Amino acid sequence: MISTASFLLLTLVGPAAAEAPRRTAVVVGIEAYAHLDQQHRVQGARDDAMRVAEALETRGGFQHVRLLTDASATRTAIESLFADSLGLGPQDLFLLYFVGHGIGGDFGEPHLLTYDSDPDTVERSAWPVAELAASISGGTKAGSIVVITDTSHGGSLENLALMGPSPEQWPAFDRPSMVISASGPREPAVAGALAQAFAGAISGRADSSADGVVTTGELYRHLVRTVPSATGDSQHPTVSAGHDPTIVVAALDLGDQAGSRDRIDKLKFVFRSGISPTVHCEHAPVVACDPSCYVWDVEPGECTASAVIDDRRQSVRLQILQRGGWVCEDSGSGLACVAGP
């Protein structure tokens, strides 16, 4: 597991190393803010960021992954990374993944809240998206840029809705790029849904052409299929209209990818809603839950959780790549499952 603020450098060997595209990511997960109370915690943000960082470093072919969580994720700390230019050139990729609070997405002046943002001066102390985009453009010389934000978590702060920026609210980058938001306008994001889908995508699940790389187009198609399925159709990732679908966002190590198919020894499911809940994973028997259950010794892949809600059996499909737990309940529009204890 990657640790907070760790830097991973994988050294390429041989004469082609200098010419090979490099991939660098900054992953930010802010669960607890210095000046915000408990009700404004972003549940699971640290775990989501760690899951994404681990997938990027172990499956996605990223040479540098910088993980910043909570107190390490101040505006100064993040901006200093861009000021160092990250050692990238025109053949390289820069990716930013941000899990935390955003404001202004509902009225056109979007900001991201860094760890030290102050609610008394939130519009001044939060980071305007326009300034963040300028810092990325000016600080990194990467030839392509991918930004993913999971910032629409509901609630309000100083009478401002905690709704993050939509892709169209980012200024256009001056090079091939893609901006993805976890959800559509005024659509609160389900904790863990985007991170789980993104980690699966970058680990190879999105490689629909089976050519060993995941393009931005393949990434987005995977997200718009799996996130609604995992959230009972309540959350729909969105993408910037002028995005470039041909950017190679992950270069899979096919040897490692094959290793990722090792069997999962144990999964846990807890149903908080519905009756007669079941779980059915690929190439495995159906397991009845009452209201919780374990599923043993399965291959990574798709599992279907289902339960009878309002006299109708409802189900949700999940892409599961590793051991973990899932909590399933009625979302109001259907059964939804999110990563949990």
Protein backbone atom coordinates (compact mmCIF):
# COMPACT_ATOMS: atom_id res chain seq x y z
CA MET A 1 0.00 0.00 0.00
CA ILE A 2 1.36 3.41 -0.91
CA SER A 3 1.91 5.69 2.09
CA THR A 4 0.96 9.33 2.45
CA ALA A 5 3.25 11.74 0.62
CA SER A 6 5.32 8.90 -0.83
CA PHE A 7 7.10 9.21 -4.14
CA LEU A 8 7.49 6.15 -6.34
CA LEU A 9 10.15 6.20 -9.08
CA LEU A 10 10.32 3.28 -11.47
CA THR A 11 13.51 3.44 -13.51
CA LEU A 12 13.39 2.43 -17.16
CA VAL A 13 16.44 0.57 -18.36
CA GLY A 14 18.01 0.71 -21.81
CA PRO A 15 18.58 3.23 -24.60
CA ALA A 16 14.85 3.77 -25.23
CA ALA A 17 14.26 4.99 -21.67
CA ALA A 18 14.84 8.66 -22.46
CA GLU A 19 12.26 8.55 -25.26
CA ALA A 20 9.52 6.59 -23.50
CA PRO A 21 6.53 8.66 -22.33
CA ARG A 22 6.47 9.27 -18.61
CA ARG A 23 3.35 9.44 -16.47
CA THR A 24 3.15 11.45 -13.29
CA ALA A 25 0.14 11.75 -10.96
CA VAL A 26 -0.75 13.91 -8.00
CA VAL A 27 -3.52 12.27 -5.95
CA VAL A 28 -5.24 14.36 -3.27
CA GLY A 29 -7.67 13.01 -0.67
CA ILE A 30 -8.96 15.35 2.05
CA GLU A 31 -11.25 13.72 4.58
CA ALA A 32 -10.84 16.05 7.58
CA TYR A 33 -10.28 19.80 7.13
CA ALA A 34 -8.35 22.02 9.55
CA HIS A 35 -11.13 24.57 9.96
CA LEU A 36 -14.27 22.50 9.30
CA ASP A 37 -16.26 20.52 11.84
CA GLN A 38 -17.09 16.82 11.85
CA GLN A 39 -20.25 17.20 9.78
CA HIS A 40 -18.11 18.35 6.87
CA ARG A 41 -15.83 15.32 6.82
CA VAL A 42 -15.58 13.70 3.40
CA GLN A 43 -16.11 10.10 4.40
CA GLY A 44 -13.62 7.71 2.83
CA ALA A 45 -11.62 10.39 0.99
CA ARG A 46 -8.26 9.16 2.30
CA ASP A 47 -9.01 5.54 1.45
CA ASP A 48 -10.28 6.56 -2.00
CA ALA A 49 -7.09 8.50 -2.71
CA MET A 50 -4.91 5.63 -1.52
CA ARG A 51 -6.85 3.16 -3.69
CA VAL A 52 -6.38 5.36 -6.76
CA ALA A 53 -2.68 5.97 -6.05
CA GLU A 54 -2.03 2.26 -5.61
CA ALA A 55 -3.75 1.41 -8.90
CA LEU A 56 -1.76 4.07 -10.75
CA GLU A 57 1.59 2.88 -9.40
CA THR A 58 1.04 -0.88 -9.55
CA ARG A 59 -1.13 -1.28 -12.65
CA GLY A 60 -1.28 1.93 -14.65
CA GLY A 61 2.37 2.37 -15.64
CA PHE A 62 2.90 5.63 -13.73
CA GLN A 63 6.55 6.34 -12.90
CA HIS A 64 5.78 9.01 -10.29
CA VAL A 65 2.78 9.02 -7.96
CA ARG A 66 2.55 11.70 -5.27
CA LEU A 67 -0.16 11.13 -2.65
CA LEU A 68 -1.28 14.03 -0.42
CA THR A 69 -3.93 13.51 2.25
CA ASP A 70 -5.42 15.80 4.90
CA ALA A 71 -2.75 18.02 6.52
CA SER A 72 -0.27 17.44 3.70
CA ALA A 73 -2.81 18.70 1.13
CA THR A 74 -2.56 22.46 1.63
CA ARG A 75 -2.72 24.77 -1.35
CA THR A 76 0.94 25.67 -0.87
CA ALA A 77 2.00 22.02 -0.81
CA ILE A 78 0.04 21.14 -3.95
CA GLU A 79 1.10 24.26 -5.82
CA SER A 80 4.76 23.66 -4.98
CA LEU A 81 4.62 20.39 -6.91
CA PHE A 82 3.57 22.25 -10.04
CA ALA A 83 6.25 24.89 -9.48
CA ASP A 84 8.87 22.15 -9.68
CA SER A 85 7.53 21.34 -13.20
CA LEU A 86 7.57 17.62 -12.22
CA GLY A 87 10.30 16.95 -14.75
CA LEU A 88 7.84 16.32 -17.56
CA GLY A 89 8.22 17.01 -21.26
CA PRO A 90 5.95 17.26 -24.29
CA GLN A 91 5.72 13.47 -24.70
CA ASP A 92 4.60 12.94 -21.08
CA LEU A 93 1.28 12.82 -19.17
CA PHE A 94 0.24 14.64 -16.00
CA LEU A 95 -2.81 13.44 -14.04
CA LEU A 96 -4.51 15.12 -11.06
CA TYR A 97 -7.07 13.15 -9.02
CA PHE A 98 -8.81 15.18 -6.28
CA VAL A 99 -11.20 13.85 -3.62
CA GLY A 100 -12.54 16.49 -1.24
CA HIS A 101 -14.91 19.42 -1.07
CA GLY A 102 -15.68 21.91 -3.81
CA ILE A 103 -17.92 24.97 -3.86
CA GLY A 104 -19.38 27.15 -6.57
CA GLY A 105 -20.19 24.40 -9.02
CA ASP A 106 -23.84 25.39 -8.82
CA PHE A 107 -23.41 29.06 -9.69
CA GLY A 108 -20.41 29.22 -12.01
CA GLU A 109 -17.55 30.33 -9.75
CA PRO A 110 -16.05 26.98 -8.75
CA HIS A 111 -13.32 26.48 -6.15
CA LEU A 112 -11.65 23.44 -4.59
CA LEU A 113 -11.18 23.40 -0.81
CA THR A 114 -7.67 22.47 0.27
CA TYR A 115 -6.92 21.30 3.80
CA ASP A 116 -6.34 24.83 5.14
CA SER A 117 -9.34 26.54 3.52
CA ASP A 118 -11.11 28.75 6.08
CA PRO A 119 -14.94 28.84 6.20
CA ASP A 120 -14.85 32.46 7.37
CA THR A 121 -13.09 33.48 4.16
CA VAL A 122 -13.98 30.49 2.01
CA GLU A 123 -14.23 32.34 -1.30
CA ARG A 124 -10.73 33.77 -0.76
CA SER A 125 -9.02 30.82 0.92
CA ALA A 126 -10.39 28.12 -1.38
CA TRP A 127 -8.61 27.52 -4.69
CA PRO A 128 -10.40 28.91 -7.77
CA VAL A 129 -10.44 26.35 -10.57
CA ALA A 130 -9.19 28.97 -13.03
CA GLU A 131 -6.09 29.56 -10.88
CA LEU A 132 -5.52 25.84 -10.37
CA ALA A 133 -5.68 25.25 -14.12
CA ALA A 134 -3.17 28.06 -14.66
CA SER A 135 -0.84 26.51 -12.08
CA ILE A 136 -1.00 23.15 -13.84
CA SER A 137 -0.49 24.67 -17.30
CA GLY A 138 2.33 26.93 -16.21
CA GLY A 139 4.06 24.51 -13.88
CA THR A 140 4.12 21.29 -15.87
CA LYS A 141 5.45 20.90 -19.38
CA ALA A 142 3.58 17.63 -19.93
CA GLY A 143 2.17 17.21 -23.40
CA SER A 144 -1.22 15.99 -22.10
CA ILE A 145 -3.25 16.61 -18.96
CA VAL A 146 -6.00 14.58 -17.28
CA VAL A 147 -7.95 15.96 -14.30
CA ILE A 148 -10.49 13.95 -12.27
CA THR A 149 -12.48 15.60 -9.45
CA ASP A 150 -14.71 13.86 -6.90
CA THR A 151 -16.00 16.99 -5.19
CA SER A 152 -19.80 16.92 -5.11
CA HIS A 153 -20.66 15.54 -1.70
CA GLY A 154 -23.72 17.56 -0.70
CA GLY A 155 -24.31 19.87 2.23
CA SER A 156 -23.38 23.54 2.47
CA LEU A 157 -20.79 25.85 3.96
CA GLU A 158 -21.53 29.49 4.80
CA ASN A 159 -24.69 29.22 2.69
CA LEU A 160 -22.67 27.94 -0.27
CA ALA A 161 -23.53 24.51 -1.65
CA LEU A 162 -20.67 22.01 -1.41
CA MET A 163 -20.90 21.15 -5.09
CA GLY A 164 -17.66 20.96 -7.04
CA PRO A 165 -16.87 22.12 -10.56
CA SER A 166 -18.31 20.54 -13.67
CA PRO A 167 -15.86 19.82 -16.50
CA GLU A 168 -17.20 22.73 -18.55
CA GLN A 169 -16.29 25.15 -15.74
CA TRP A 170 -12.58 24.50 -16.18
CA PRO A 171 -10.74 26.83 -18.57
CA ALA A 172 -9.45 25.10 -21.68
CA PHE A 173 -5.93 23.72 -21.43
CA ASP A 174 -3.50 24.64 -24.20
CA ARG A 175 -2.72 20.99 -25.01
CA PRO A 176 -4.56 17.66 -25.33
CA SER A 177 -6.57 17.15 -22.15
CA MET A 178 -9.57 15.60 -20.45
CA VAL A 179 -11.45 16.78 -17.34
CA ILE A 180 -13.82 14.36 -15.59
CA SER A 181 -16.25 15.09 -12.75
CA ALA A 182 -17.59 12.33 -10.50
CA SER A 183 -21.20 13.29 -11.13
CA GLY A 184 -23.59 15.43 -13.12
CA PRO A 185 -24.96 18.88 -12.17
CA ARG A 186 -26.52 18.99 -8.67
CA GLU A 187 -25.88 15.26 -8.29
CA PRO A 188 -24.26 14.32 -4.94
CA ALA A 189 -21.53 11.74 -5.33
CA VAL A 190 -21.69 8.39 -3.52
CA ALA A 191 -18.62 7.84 -1.34
CA GLY A 192 -16.15 5.48 -2.98
CA ALA A 193 -18.07 4.95 -6.23
CA LEU A 194 -15.76 6.88 -8.55
CA ALA A 195 -12.53 5.71 -6.89
CA GLN A 196 -13.53 2.07 -7.17
CA ALA A 197 -14.51 2.43 -10.82
CA PHE A 198 -11.40 4.46 -11.66
CA ALA A 199 -9.05 2.00 -9.95
CA GLY A 200 -10.65 -0.85 -11.89
CA ALA A 201 -10.40 1.09 -15.15
CA ILE A 202 -6.75 1.97 -14.70
CA SER A 203 -5.96 -1.62 -13.71
CA GLY A 204 -7.12 -2.86 -17.11
CA ARG A 205 -10.89 -3.16 -16.86
CA ALA A 206 -11.30 -0.27 -19.28
CA ASP A 207 -9.00 -1.77 -21.92
CA SER A 208 -11.84 -2.73 -24.24
CA SER A 209 -9.51 -3.07 -27.22
CA ALA A 210 -7.22 -5.46 -25.30
CA ASP A 211 -4.14 -3.67 -26.62
CA GLY A 212 -2.42 -3.16 -23.27
CA VAL A 213 -3.24 0.55 -22.89
CA VAL A 214 -6.20 2.50 -21.53
CA THR A 215 -7.07 5.65 -23.45
CA THR A 216 -9.06 8.54 -22.05
CA GLY A 217 -11.96 7.48 -24.26
CA GLU A 218 -11.90 3.95 -22.85
CA LEU A 219 -11.59 5.34 -19.32
CA TYR A 220 -14.66 7.53 -19.70
CA ARG A 221 -16.75 4.78 -21.31
CA HIS A 222 -15.89 2.51 -18.39
CA LEU A 223 -16.82 5.15 -15.80
CA VAL A 224 -20.18 6.02 -17.38
CA ARG A 225 -21.08 2.32 -17.41
CA THR A 226 -19.89 1.22 -13.98
CA VAL A 227 -20.57 4.23 -11.73
CA PRO A 228 -24.32 4.46 -12.46
CA SER A 229 -24.56 0.69 -12.06
CA ALA A 230 -22.84 0.84 -8.67
CA THR A 231 -24.98 3.74 -7.39
CA GLY A 232 -28.46 2.66 -8.43
CA ASP A 233 -28.31 5.09 -11.38
CA SER A 234 -27.98 8.06 -9.03
CA GLN A 235 -24.51 9.23 -10.13
CA HIS A 236 -23.31 9.92 -13.67
CA PRO A 237 -19.71 11.02 -14.38
CA THR A 238 -19.36 13.87 -16.87
CA VAL A 239 -16.55 14.92 -19.19
CA SER A 240 -15.44 18.14 -20.86
CA ALA A 241 -16.94 18.58 -24.32
CA GLY A 242 -13.58 19.33 -25.92
CA HIS A 243 -11.77 16.37 -24.44
CA ASP A 244 -9.22 14.29 -26.34
CA PRO A 245 -10.30 10.61 -26.22
CA THR A 246 -6.97 9.35 -27.60
CA ILE A 247 -4.64 10.19 -24.71
CA VAL A 248 -2.99 7.03 -23.37
CA VAL A 249 -3.73 7.42 -19.68
CA ALA A 250 -2.43 4.01 -18.57
CA ALA A 251 0.12 1.64 -20.04
CA LEU A 252 -0.56 -1.76 -18.54
CA ASP A 253 2.16 -4.19 -17.58
CA LEU A 254 0.55 -7.27 -19.08
CA GLY A 255 2.56 -9.50 -16.82
CA ASP A 256 1.33 -7.64 -13.75
CA GLN A 257 -2.15 -7.52 -15.22
CA ALA A 258 -2.18 -11.29 -15.47
CA GLY A 259 -1.03 -11.43 -11.86
CA SER A 260 -3.93 -9.20 -10.88
CA ARG A 261 -6.24 -12.05 -11.83
CA ASP A 262 -5.12 -14.00 -8.75
CA ARG A 263 -8.15 -15.20 -6.86
CA ILE A 264 -9.67 -13.11 -4.06
CA ASP A 265 -9.78 -15.08 -0.83
CA LYS A 266 -12.64 -13.22 0.89
CA LEU A 267 -15.32 -10.56 0.27
CA LYS A 268 -17.81 -9.26 2.81
CA PHE A 269 -21.27 -7.84 2.01
CA VAL A 270 -23.61 -6.11 4.46
CA PHE A 271 -27.20 -5.33 3.39
CA ARG A 272 -28.89 -2.51 5.28
CA SER A 273 -32.06 -2.64 3.18
CA GLY A 274 -34.22 -5.23 1.50
CA ILE A 275 -35.04 -8.85 2.15
CA SER A 276 -33.59 -12.10 0.79
CA PRO A 277 -30.28 -10.47 -0.22
CA THR A 278 -27.87 -12.46 -2.38
CA VAL A 279 -24.47 -12.05 -4.00
CA HIS A 280 -23.41 -13.78 -7.21
CA CYS A 281 -19.82 -13.43 -8.44
CA GLU A 282 -18.61 -14.67 -11.81
CA HIS A 283 -17.85 -18.42 -11.96
CA ALA A 284 -19.06 -18.85 -8.36
CA PRO A 285 -22.31 -20.04 -6.74
CA VAL A 286 -24.97 -17.64 -5.48
CA VAL A 287 -24.50 -16.76 -1.79
CA ALA A 288 -27.47 -15.89 0.45
CA CYS A 289 -26.94 -13.07 2.97
CA ASP A 290 -28.88 -12.60 6.21
CA PRO A 291 -28.24 -9.64 6.29
CA SER A 292 -24.48 -10.05 5.86
CA CYS A 293 -22.38 -12.73 4.21
CA TYR A 294 -18.93 -13.67 3.04
CA VAL A 295 -18.00 -14.75 -0.47
CA TRP A 296 -14.92 -16.95 -0.57
CA ASP A 297 -12.28 -17.71 -3.20
CA VAL A 298 -13.47 -15.89 -6.34
CA GLU A 299 -11.77 -14.41 -9.38
CA PRO A 300 -11.52 -10.62 -9.71
CA GLY A 301 -14.38 -9.46 -11.88
CA GLU A 302 -18.07 -8.73 -11.76
CA CYS A 303 -20.30 -9.54 -8.81
CA THR A 304 -24.04 -8.89 -8.66
CA ALA A 305 -25.69 -7.96 -5.37
CA SER A 306 -29.47 -8.13 -5.16
CA ALA A 307 -32.33 -7.81 -2.65
CA VAL A 308 -36.09 -7.49 -2.67
CA ILE A 309 -37.08 -3.85 -2.11
CA ASP A 310 -40.70 -2.68 -2.33
CA ASP A 311 -41.78 -6.14 -3.48
CA ARG A 312 -39.36 -6.11 -6.39
CA ARG A 313 -35.93 -7.71 -6.66
CA GLN A 314 -33.37 -5.06 -7.42
CA SER A 315 -29.73 -5.64 -8.29
CA VAL A 316 -26.49 -3.81 -8.84
CA ARG A 317 -23.33 -4.96 -10.62
CA LEU A 318 -19.90 -4.30 -9.10
CA GLN A 319 -16.41 -4.59 -10.57
CA ILE A 320 -14.34 -6.10 -7.74
CA LEU A 321 -10.57 -6.43 -8.05
CA GLN A 322 -9.39 -7.13 -4.51
CA ARG A 323 -10.43 -8.23 -1.03
CA GLY A 324 -12.75 -5.80 0.72
CA GLY A 325 -16.17 -5.09 2.13
CA TRP A 326 -19.30 -3.57 0.58
CA VAL A 327 -22.36 -2.03 2.20
CA CYS A 328 -25.59 -2.27 0.17
CA GLU A 329 -28.81 -0.36 0.81
CA ASP A 330 -31.80 1.29 -0.83
CA SER A 331 -30.65 4.60 -2.39
CA GLY A 332 -34.20 5.72 -3.05
CA SER A 333 -33.92 4.87 -6.71
CA GLY A 334 -32.65 1.32 -6.38
CA LEU A 335 -30.09 -0.84 -4.62
CA ALA A 336 -26.62 0.73 -4.29
CA CYS A 337 -23.40 -0.72 -2.87
CA VAL A 338 -20.34 1.21 -1.76
CA ALA A 339 -17.02 0.12 -0.31
CA GLY A 340 -17.30 -0.18 3.44
CA PRO A 341 -16.12 -2.01 6.52
